[in-house]
Amino acid sequence: MRTTSVSSFYSPSLSRRTLTRRITPLKIKTNSTMTHHALAKKKTNFNTTTAALTMEEGSSENNNNNRRKTVLMTGMSALLSSFAGRKTNSQAAELKGQVKDCENCSNSNTSLREGDKEFLTTNSGLRYIDLREGDFAKVPKKGDVVVVDWVGYTAGYQAKKIESTRETDAPFTFRVGSGEAIPAFDEAVLNMGKGGIKRIEIAGELEEKLGYSRNPGERYNGIGPKPTTFGGLRALDFVLDNKTLKDFNRTLLFDVKLVAIRSST
């Protein structure tokens, strides 16, 4: 499984952090080409042996024995060909089973390197790492308006950057708990102090629960953060809309910085 190392936009010291596996849709391929080559080689060897046996038959007094050898070789070749085909089918079935039953493919904790921090998991299934602790004397509550900087990646598919508000100079502002942000952002900021940075990972199988709607017409209907660039919008929509992708390919990763809190009182 190939990985891509991406430095945190907010903290260069976290450059060892490995962004979630760069996964492309898996395609199951049998070893049919290898099998054909193997069978062709066996056939060539068998023809050579048969020719040698035929020459012996013309010059030997044991014609009957040679005929028995030829018949025996033919039977063994057919048996080997059949066995090779069965082995290939068995391997293909095993690979298909691995893809179908991939329960941890969207979990970055399964591909940590030395020095990487491990994600913690909340009751909702959201995975997170506190990259920087903020001022816990200033923690938002439901109803407060917050301003956050964020950078996002399609972590489960080619690790493409969705957007970085530090580059677009367009922080995301929303009222906590009002449905203006995806549930993962609401949950993240409720446990952050001002100035804190949290890395969150939304597993592809929990996208509808914690992230964006799979229905394009409802996806950004008053809910953010919505990418402001064409490239970012296209990258996010692709992993959410492409029906050929597996759930783990839809895993998203965000770094969220709590910039400001505007109290509701």
Protein backbone atom coordinates (compact mmCIF):
# COMPACT_ATOMS: atom_id res chain seq x y z
CA MET A 1 0.00 0.00 0.00
CA ARG A 2 1.52 3.32 -1.09
CA THR A 3 1.62 6.28 1.30
CA THR A 4 2.15 9.99 0.89
CA SER A 5 3.86 12.12 3.53
CA VAL A 6 2.35 15.59 3.88
CA SER A 7 3.53 18.20 6.35
CA SER A 8 0.86 19.79 8.49
CA PHE A 9 0.06 23.23 7.11
CA TYR A 10 0.16 24.62 10.64
CA SER A 11 3.09 22.79 12.22
CA PRO A 12 6.24 21.91 10.22
CA SER A 13 7.44 19.74 13.09
CA LEU A 14 4.73 17.27 12.18
CA SER A 15 6.23 16.49 8.79
CA ARG A 16 6.67 12.87 9.84
CA ARG A 17 2.92 12.48 10.06
CA THR A 18 1.87 10.23 7.21
CA LEU A 19 -1.25 11.34 5.46
CA THR A 20 -3.72 8.49 5.09
CA ARG A 21 -2.88 5.85 2.50
CA ARG A 22 -3.04 7.01 -1.06
CA ILE A 23 -5.55 4.47 -2.31
CA THR A 24 -6.73 4.08 -5.82
CA PRO A 25 -9.70 1.86 -6.68
CA LEU A 26 -8.60 -1.71 -6.41
CA LYS A 27 -8.95 -3.86 -9.43
CA ILE A 28 -8.82 -7.57 -9.11
CA LYS A 29 -6.66 -9.24 -11.71
CA THR A 30 -6.09 -12.92 -11.97
CA ASN A 31 -2.76 -14.38 -13.01
CA SER A 32 -4.26 -15.43 -16.34
CA THR A 33 -1.28 -14.10 -18.34
CA MET A 34 1.19 -15.94 -16.14
CA THR A 35 -0.96 -19.05 -16.39
CA HIS A 36 -0.98 -18.92 -20.21
CA HIS A 37 2.83 -18.58 -20.27
CA ALA A 38 3.21 -21.42 -17.82
CA LEU A 39 0.88 -23.66 -19.82
CA ALA A 40 2.65 -22.75 -23.06
CA LYS A 41 5.98 -23.71 -21.49
CA LYS A 42 4.54 -27.00 -20.25
CA LYS A 43 3.10 -27.64 -23.73
CA THR A 44 6.50 -26.97 -25.35
CA ASN A 45 8.24 -29.32 -22.92
CA PHE A 46 5.58 -31.92 -23.51
CA ASN A 47 5.92 -31.67 -27.33
CA THR A 48 9.69 -32.07 -27.04
CA THR A 49 9.25 -35.13 -24.86
CA THR A 50 6.64 -36.56 -27.21
CA ALA A 51 8.95 -36.11 -30.23
CA ALA A 52 11.77 -37.87 -28.41
CA LEU A 53 9.49 -40.72 -27.45
CA THR A 54 8.30 -41.04 -31.08
CA MET A 55 11.90 -41.31 -32.33
CA GLU A 56 12.59 -43.98 -29.75
CA GLU A 57 9.50 -45.82 -30.91
CA GLY A 58 10.85 -46.13 -34.44
CA SER A 59 14.23 -47.46 -33.36
CA SER A 60 13.34 -49.39 -30.25
CA GLU A 61 11.94 -52.84 -29.74
CA ASN A 62 9.78 -51.58 -26.80
CA ASN A 63 7.09 -49.91 -28.90
CA ASN A 64 4.34 -50.72 -26.46
CA ASN A 65 6.24 -49.26 -23.52
CA ASN A 66 6.89 -46.07 -25.47
CA ARG A 67 3.21 -45.74 -26.34
CA ARG A 68 2.39 -46.09 -22.64
CA LYS A 69 4.89 -43.33 -21.83
CA THR A 70 3.28 -41.01 -24.40
CA VAL A 71 -0.19 -41.62 -22.99
CA LEU A 72 1.12 -41.08 -19.46
CA MET A 73 2.77 -37.77 -20.39
CA THR A 74 -0.44 -36.55 -22.07
CA GLY A 75 -2.44 -37.30 -18.94
CA MET A 76 0.08 -35.59 -16.67
CA SER A 77 0.12 -32.46 -18.86
CA ALA A 78 -3.66 -32.21 -18.76
CA LEU A 79 -3.63 -32.66 -15.00
CA LEU A 80 -1.00 -29.94 -14.52
CA SER A 81 -2.96 -27.53 -16.73
CA SER A 82 -6.13 -28.13 -14.76
CA PHE A 83 -4.31 -27.67 -11.44
CA ALA A 84 -2.74 -24.38 -12.60
CA GLY A 85 -6.14 -22.99 -13.54
CA ARG A 86 -7.66 -23.95 -10.21
CA LYS A 87 -4.82 -22.29 -8.32
CA THR A 88 -5.35 -19.03 -10.20
CA ASN A 89 -9.09 -19.03 -9.51
CA SER A 90 -8.44 -19.67 -5.83
CA GLN A 91 -6.01 -16.75 -5.61
CA ALA A 92 -8.48 -14.42 -7.34
CA ALA A 93 -11.25 -15.42 -4.93
CA GLU A 94 -8.93 -14.77 -1.98
CA LEU A 95 -8.08 -11.28 -3.27
CA LYS A 96 -11.75 -10.45 -3.81
CA GLY A 97 -12.48 -11.51 -0.26
CA GLN A 98 -9.74 -9.23 1.08
CA VAL A 99 -11.21 -6.21 -0.70
CA LYS A 100 -14.80 -7.00 0.29
CA ASP A 101 -13.91 -7.55 3.94
CA CYS A 102 -11.48 -4.64 4.32
CA GLU A 103 -12.62 -3.34 7.72
CA ASN A 104 -9.64 -1.11 8.55
CA CYS A 105 -8.76 0.38 5.17
CA SER A 106 -10.01 3.84 6.19
CA ASN A 107 -8.15 3.89 9.53
CA SER A 108 -4.82 5.74 9.49
CA ASN A 109 -3.80 4.00 12.70
CA THR A 110 -3.16 0.87 10.63
CA SER A 111 -0.34 2.59 8.71
CA LEU A 112 1.50 4.62 11.32
CA ARG A 113 5.25 5.09 11.07
CA GLU A 114 7.73 5.59 13.87
CA GLY A 115 7.10 8.93 15.52
CA ASP A 116 3.53 9.31 14.22
CA LYS A 117 0.79 10.21 16.66
CA GLU A 118 -2.10 7.80 17.00
CA PHE A 119 -5.65 8.91 16.34
CA LEU A 120 -8.11 8.76 19.22
CA THR A 121 -11.75 7.89 18.50
CA THR A 122 -14.84 9.55 19.93
CA ASN A 123 -18.16 7.82 20.60
CA SER A 124 -19.45 9.05 17.24
CA GLY A 125 -16.58 7.36 15.40
CA LEU A 126 -14.69 10.58 14.63
CA ARG A 127 -10.92 10.12 14.84
CA TYR A 128 -8.78 13.02 16.02
CA ILE A 129 -5.34 14.16 17.14
CA ASP A 130 -4.71 17.35 19.14
CA LEU A 131 -1.83 18.94 17.25
CA ARG A 132 -1.78 22.01 19.47
CA GLU A 133 -3.68 22.69 22.67
CA GLY A 134 -5.40 26.03 22.78
CA ASP A 135 -6.55 28.24 25.62
CA PHE A 136 -9.02 26.06 27.49
CA ALA A 137 -10.25 29.09 29.40
CA LYS A 138 -11.91 29.98 26.11
CA VAL A 139 -13.87 26.99 24.82
CA PRO A 140 -16.91 27.39 22.56
CA LYS A 141 -20.32 26.04 23.44
CA LYS A 142 -23.40 25.36 21.36
CA GLY A 143 -24.82 28.56 19.96
CA ASP A 144 -21.48 30.36 19.84
CA VAL A 145 -20.19 31.65 16.52
CA VAL A 146 -16.68 30.44 15.75
CA VAL A 147 -14.11 31.27 13.09
CA VAL A 148 -11.81 28.45 11.94
CA ASP A 149 -8.99 28.00 9.47
CA TRP A 150 -8.90 24.59 7.84
CA VAL A 151 -7.03 22.49 5.34
CA GLY A 152 -8.56 19.30 3.95
CA TYR A 153 -7.45 16.27 1.95
CA THR A 154 -9.15 13.38 0.19
CA ALA A 155 -7.09 11.09 2.38
CA GLY A 156 -8.64 7.86 1.13
CA TYR A 157 -8.11 8.59 -2.57
CA GLN A 158 -4.86 10.02 -3.97
CA ALA A 159 -4.47 12.43 -1.00
CA LYS A 160 -5.56 15.46 -3.01
CA LYS A 161 -5.80 18.80 -1.26
CA ILE A 162 -9.37 20.06 -1.07
CA GLU A 163 -8.54 23.55 0.16
CA SER A 164 -6.50 25.57 2.62
CA THR A 165 -8.04 28.75 4.03
CA ARG A 166 -4.55 30.10 4.67
CA GLU A 167 -4.11 30.16 0.89
CA THR A 168 -7.59 31.43 0.01
CA ASP A 169 -7.76 33.88 2.95
CA ALA A 170 -11.34 32.77 3.53
CA PRO A 171 -11.83 31.39 7.07
CA PHE A 172 -14.97 29.38 7.75
CA THR A 173 -17.45 31.00 10.15
CA PHE A 174 -20.39 29.07 11.60
CA ARG A 175 -22.68 28.84 14.61
CA VAL A 176 -21.88 25.72 16.62
CA GLY A 177 -24.65 23.13 16.74
CA SER A 178 -26.92 24.96 14.30
CA GLY A 179 -26.34 22.69 11.30
CA GLU A 180 -24.22 25.27 9.49
CA ALA A 181 -21.17 22.97 9.59
CA ILE A 182 -20.72 19.28 9.01
CA PRO A 183 -21.09 17.32 12.28
CA ALA A 184 -17.35 16.55 12.44
CA PHE A 185 -16.53 20.28 12.64
CA ASP A 186 -19.16 20.86 15.33
CA GLU A 187 -17.77 18.03 17.41
CA ALA A 188 -14.16 19.11 16.89
CA VAL A 189 -14.52 22.72 18.05
CA LEU A 190 -16.62 21.85 21.11
CA ASN A 191 -13.52 20.18 22.54
CA MET A 192 -10.97 22.84 21.56
CA GLY A 193 -9.56 25.91 23.24
CA LYS A 194 -9.04 29.10 21.30
CA GLY A 195 -5.88 28.87 19.19
CA GLY A 196 -5.91 25.07 19.29
CA ILE A 197 -5.39 22.87 16.25
CA LYS A 198 -7.06 19.52 15.84
CA ARG A 199 -6.59 16.95 13.08
CA ILE A 200 -9.76 15.01 12.35
CA GLU A 201 -10.35 12.00 10.14
CA ILE A 202 -13.79 11.10 8.84
CA ALA A 203 -13.96 7.43 7.86
CA GLY A 204 -15.57 6.92 4.48
CA GLU A 205 -18.23 4.63 5.91
CA LEU A 206 -19.26 7.44 8.31
CA GLU A 207 -19.34 10.19 5.69
CA GLU A 208 -23.12 10.62 5.79
CA LYS A 209 -23.10 10.72 9.60
CA LEU A 210 -20.11 12.99 10.25
CA GLY A 211 -19.34 14.62 6.92
CA TYR A 212 -21.06 15.60 3.71
CA SER A 213 -24.26 14.32 2.15
CA ARG A 214 -23.88 11.84 -0.70
CA ASN A 215 -26.78 13.67 -2.36
CA PRO A 216 -25.22 16.41 -4.54
CA GLY A 217 -28.35 18.56 -4.26
CA GLU A 218 -28.17 18.64 -0.46
CA ARG A 219 -24.41 18.58 0.06
CA TYR A 220 -23.73 22.31 0.41
CA ASN A 221 -27.28 23.44 1.17
CA GLY A 222 -26.39 25.86 3.97
CA ILE A 223 -23.70 23.49 5.25
CA GLY A 224 -19.94 24.01 5.18
CA PRO A 225 -17.14 24.15 4.81
CA LYS A 226 -17.59 24.36 1.05
CA PRO A 227 -14.44 24.61 -1.09
CA THR A 228 -14.19 27.97 -2.84
CA THR A 229 -11.85 26.82 -5.62
CA PHE A 230 -12.88 24.78 -8.65
CA GLY A 231 -10.10 22.25 -8.08
CA GLY A 232 -11.03 21.71 -4.43
CA LEU A 233 -14.73 21.40 -5.17
CA ARG A 234 -14.02 18.92 -7.94
CA ALA A 235 -11.70 16.79 -5.75
CA LEU A 236 -14.26 16.56 -2.94
CA ASP A 237 -17.26 15.92 -5.18
CA PHE A 238 -15.38 13.24 -7.10
CA VAL A 239 -14.77 11.00 -4.08
CA LEU A 240 -18.31 11.51 -2.81
CA ASP A 241 -20.09 10.94 -6.14
CA ASN A 242 -17.98 8.28 -7.85
CA LYS A 243 -19.94 5.04 -7.49
CA THR A 244 -16.97 2.87 -8.46
CA LEU A 245 -15.05 3.81 -5.30
CA LYS A 246 -15.15 1.82 -2.07
CA ASP A 247 -16.25 3.44 1.19
CA PHE A 248 -12.68 3.67 2.47
CA ASN A 249 -11.77 5.73 -0.61
CA ARG A 250 -14.09 8.47 0.69
CA THR A 251 -12.13 9.01 3.91
CA LEU A 252 -11.44 12.72 4.49
CA LEU A 253 -8.83 14.40 6.68
CA PHE A 254 -8.91 17.97 8.02
CA ASP A 255 -6.67 20.17 10.15
CA VAL A 256 -8.87 22.66 11.99
CA LYS A 257 -7.60 25.74 13.86
CA LEU A 258 -9.96 27.60 16.21
CA VAL A 259 -9.18 31.24 15.43
CA ALA A 260 -11.93 33.14 17.23
CA ILE A 261 -15.03 32.64 19.38
CA ARG A 262 -17.96 35.05 19.37
CA SER A 263 -20.14 34.29 22.36
CA SER A 264 -23.87 33.91 21.85
CA THR A 265 -24.54 35.90 25.05
